[in-house]
Amino acid sequence: QVQVVESGGGLVHPRGSLTLSCVASESIFGSDVMGWYRQAPGKQRELVAAITGGGNIEYADLAKGRFTISSNSAKNTVDLQMKSLKPEDTAVYYCKLVRSTFPFPEFWGQGTQVTVSS
């Protein structure tokens, strides 16, 4: 069972920056996908950004221009750099690993709270 652990959440002022980190307990392979999701109170969980082991990246519209996802395959980590944060970015941020081989198992982290408030 792969363990996925997030870190780096906290309280930040509006227009501030924060970097979240996610580490997997096993190697991330070329077509595996690591993604950051978030869930605000009363809302559905939504995709923020995702990256494959090969470096292909996808951003949700909410992240474009403000967030940057990056990975370090040697360390099995994926970071999410967030800038120009807004109160509406307040949510629990989750990391998910999806393996690229059948049955394509998914592994979620426990989440890290990000609160944007003055």
Protein backbone atom coordinates (compact mmCIF):
# COMPACT_ATOMS: atom_id res chain seq x y z
CA GLN A 1 0.00 0.00 0.00
CA VAL A 2 1.48 3.28 -1.11
CA GLN A 3 1.49 6.04 1.49
CA VAL A 4 0.97 9.61 0.34
CA VAL A 5 1.68 12.40 2.80
CA GLU A 6 1.09 16.12 2.38
CA SER A 7 2.72 18.94 4.30
CA GLY A 8 3.11 22.70 4.19
CA GLY A 9 -0.37 23.95 4.91
CA GLY A 10 -1.11 26.78 7.27
CA LEU A 11 -2.48 30.26 7.70
CA VAL A 12 -1.48 32.88 5.14
CA HIS A 13 -2.60 36.43 4.46
CA PRO A 14 -4.38 37.36 1.23
CA ARG A 15 -1.92 37.92 -1.62
CA GLY A 16 0.58 35.75 0.24
CA SER A 17 2.37 32.60 -0.91
CA LEU A 18 2.59 29.03 0.31
CA THR A 19 4.21 25.84 -0.95
CA LEU A 20 2.67 22.45 -0.34
CA SER A 21 4.67 19.25 -0.58
CA CYS A 22 3.57 15.69 -1.19
CA VAL A 23 5.76 12.63 -0.80
CA ALA A 24 4.93 9.08 -1.91
CA SER A 25 6.38 6.04 -0.16
CA GLU A 26 7.20 4.37 -3.48
CA SER A 27 8.69 5.45 -6.78
CA ILE A 28 6.60 7.44 -9.25
CA PHE A 29 6.82 6.04 -12.76
CA GLY A 30 6.58 7.78 -16.11
CA SER A 31 2.84 7.53 -16.73
CA ASP A 32 1.73 7.68 -13.11
CA VAL A 33 -0.14 10.83 -12.20
CA MET A 34 0.28 12.88 -9.05
CA GLY A 35 -2.39 15.48 -8.49
CA TRP A 36 -3.33 18.18 -6.04
CA TYR A 37 -6.99 18.56 -5.20
CA ARG A 38 -8.81 20.76 -2.75
CA GLN A 39 -12.09 20.72 -0.89
CA ALA A 40 -13.63 23.75 0.72
CA PRO A 41 -16.37 23.42 3.36
CA GLY A 42 -19.67 22.53 1.74
CA LYS A 43 -18.12 22.07 -1.69
CA GLN A 44 -17.02 19.14 -3.78
CA ARG A 45 -13.41 18.16 -4.07
CA GLU A 46 -11.85 19.69 -7.18
CA LEU A 47 -8.68 19.30 -9.18
CA VAL A 48 -6.05 22.00 -8.75
CA ALA A 49 -3.15 20.65 -10.81
CA ALA A 50 -1.64 17.34 -11.87
CA ILE A 51 1.68 16.12 -13.19
CA THR A 52 2.80 12.81 -14.64
CA GLY A 53 6.04 11.07 -13.82
CA GLY A 54 7.18 12.10 -17.28
CA GLY A 55 6.51 15.77 -16.57
CA ASN A 56 3.23 16.45 -18.39
CA ILE A 57 1.24 19.06 -16.49
CA GLU A 58 -2.40 20.04 -16.29
CA TYR A 59 -3.80 23.03 -14.40
CA ALA A 60 -7.38 23.76 -13.49
CA ASP A 61 -8.52 27.26 -14.43
CA LEU A 62 -8.43 28.26 -10.76
CA ALA A 63 -4.69 27.59 -10.69
CA LYS A 64 -3.51 29.06 -13.98
CA GLY A 65 -1.15 31.97 -13.50
CA ARG A 66 -0.98 31.61 -9.73
CA PHE A 67 0.00 28.03 -8.90
CA THR A 68 2.93 25.95 -10.10
CA ILE A 69 3.20 22.19 -9.78
CA SER A 70 6.57 20.47 -9.93
CA SER A 71 8.01 17.06 -9.16
CA ASN A 72 11.26 15.49 -8.05
CA SER A 73 11.34 11.89 -9.19
CA ALA A 74 14.45 11.10 -7.15
CA LYS A 75 12.62 12.05 -3.96
CA ASN A 76 9.12 10.90 -5.02
CA THR A 77 7.80 14.36 -4.23
CA VAL A 78 5.39 16.75 -5.87
CA ASP A 79 5.19 20.38 -4.79
CA LEU A 80 2.49 22.97 -5.33
CA GLN A 81 3.69 26.56 -5.20
CA MET A 82 0.81 28.93 -4.61
CA LYS A 83 1.03 32.70 -5.05
CA SER A 84 -1.42 35.58 -4.87
CA LEU A 85 -3.60 33.56 -2.56
CA LYS A 86 -7.20 34.59 -2.04
CA PRO A 87 -9.65 33.84 0.79
CA GLU A 88 -11.52 31.58 -1.64
CA ASP A 89 -8.41 29.38 -1.84
CA THR A 90 -9.12 28.30 1.73
CA ALA A 91 -9.61 24.54 1.69
CA VAL A 92 -8.13 21.21 2.64
CA TYR A 93 -5.60 20.33 -0.03
CA TYR A 94 -5.13 16.69 -0.91
CA CYS A 95 -2.50 14.84 -2.90
CA LYS A 96 -3.40 11.80 -4.99
CA LEU A 97 -1.28 9.25 -6.79
CA VAL A 98 -2.82 7.27 -9.63
CA ARG A 99 -0.84 4.33 -10.94
CA SER A 100 -0.74 3.94 -14.70
CA THR A 101 -1.07 0.15 -14.73
CA PHE A 102 -4.28 -1.85 -14.37
CA PRO A 103 -6.30 -1.64 -12.14
CA PHE A 104 -5.06 1.95 -11.88
CA PRO A 105 -5.18 2.19 -8.08
CA GLU A 106 -5.52 5.56 -6.42
CA PHE A 107 -3.83 6.61 -3.21
CA TRP A 108 -4.91 9.71 -1.32
CA GLY A 109 -3.13 11.61 1.38
CA GLN A 110 -4.82 12.80 4.55
CA GLY A 111 -4.91 16.42 3.43
CA THR A 112 -3.40 19.64 4.69
CA GLN A 113 -5.39 22.72 5.66
CA VAL A 114 -4.74 26.01 3.90
CA THR A 115 -6.43 29.06 5.34
CA VAL A 116 -6.18 32.43 3.62
CA SER A 117 -7.30 35.17 5.95
CA SER A 118 -6.25 38.55 7.23
